[in-house]
Amino acid sequence: MSTLSVPLTPQLEAFIERMIDHGYAENKAQVVRHALRELEEDQAVASLLKAQKEAKEGKVLYGKLDELAKKIK
């Protein structure tokens, strides 16, 4: 596991401290790791919703991958 040093605004520092005070996490690192996992999940959900929207709009390609690649070139 690597360590990353990130400057925080006073507001973010206070938010992290509140999360610890409310039992959300035991320390600052846990708060940040949890926030990053949430962001990762949000991005995955957004990608899925975008794909569903594009499928409804007919923006989906069907067929064999090698044949589709030839059409794109």
Protein backbone atom coordinates (compact mmCIF):
# COMPACT_ATOMS: atom_id res chain seq x y z
CA MET A 1 0.00 0.00 0.00
CA SER A 2 1.37 3.41 -0.89
CA THR A 3 1.06 6.69 0.96
CA LEU A 4 -0.17 9.86 -0.68
CA SER A 5 0.18 13.35 0.72
CA VAL A 6 -2.65 15.67 -0.31
CA PRO A 7 -3.13 19.27 0.82
CA LEU A 8 -6.65 19.80 2.19
CA THR A 9 -8.68 22.92 2.66
CA PRO A 10 -9.68 23.72 6.25
CA GLN A 11 -13.26 22.77 5.31
CA LEU A 12 -12.24 19.31 4.12
CA GLU A 13 -10.07 18.79 7.18
CA ALA A 14 -13.02 19.73 9.41
CA PHE A 15 -15.31 17.39 7.46
CA ILE A 16 -12.89 14.50 7.92
CA GLU A 17 -12.67 15.23 11.65
CA ARG A 18 -16.49 15.25 11.88
CA MET A 19 -16.65 11.87 10.15
CA ILE A 20 -14.22 10.47 12.71
CA ASP A 21 -16.10 12.10 15.60
CA HIS A 22 -19.37 10.58 14.38
CA GLY A 23 -17.85 7.09 14.16
CA TYR A 24 -17.80 6.95 10.36
CA ALA A 25 -14.16 5.86 10.49
CA GLU A 26 -11.38 5.42 13.01
CA ASN A 27 -8.88 7.74 11.33
CA LYS A 28 -8.31 10.16 8.44
CA ALA A 29 -6.98 7.49 6.11
CA GLN A 30 -10.13 5.39 6.51
CA VAL A 31 -12.33 8.39 5.71
CA VAL A 32 -10.38 9.11 2.54
CA ARG A 33 -10.28 5.45 1.44
CA HIS A 34 -14.02 5.17 1.96
CA ALA A 35 -14.62 8.37 -0.01
CA LEU A 36 -12.50 7.05 -2.89
CA ARG A 37 -14.40 3.74 -2.93
CA GLU A 38 -17.67 5.69 -3.03
CA LEU A 39 -16.36 7.77 -5.95
CA GLU A 40 -15.31 4.60 -7.77
CA GLU A 41 -18.78 3.11 -7.27
CA ASP A 42 -20.44 6.35 -8.43
CA GLN A 43 -18.34 6.30 -11.60
CA ALA A 44 -19.29 2.68 -12.28
CA VAL A 45 -22.99 3.47 -11.82
CA ALA A 46 -22.70 6.53 -14.08
CA SER A 47 -21.04 4.41 -16.78
CA LEU A 48 -23.78 1.81 -16.55
CA LEU A 49 -26.53 4.43 -16.75
CA LYS A 50 -24.84 6.03 -19.75
CA ALA A 51 -24.62 2.64 -21.49
CA GLN A 52 -28.30 1.97 -20.79
CA LYS A 53 -29.24 5.38 -22.17
CA GLU A 54 -27.19 4.83 -25.29
CA ALA A 55 -28.76 1.40 -25.78
CA LYS A 56 -32.25 2.95 -25.58
CA GLU A 57 -31.16 5.53 -28.16
CA GLY A 58 -29.97 2.78 -30.49
CA LYS A 59 -26.30 3.70 -30.12
CA VAL A 60 -25.23 0.11 -29.52
CA LEU A 61 -23.21 -1.99 -31.92
CA TYR A 62 -24.12 -5.63 -32.39
CA GLY A 63 -22.05 -8.30 -34.00
CA LYS A 64 -18.64 -9.89 -33.91
CA LEU A 65 -15.93 -7.63 -32.57
CA ASP A 66 -13.49 -8.18 -35.43
CA GLU A 67 -16.20 -7.41 -38.02
CA LEU A 68 -17.25 -4.26 -36.15
CA ALA A 69 -13.64 -3.11 -35.98
CA LYS A 70 -13.37 -3.40 -39.77
CA LYS A 71 -16.45 -1.17 -40.19
CA ILE A 72 -14.97 1.52 -37.97
CA LYS A 73 -11.70 1.80 -39.93
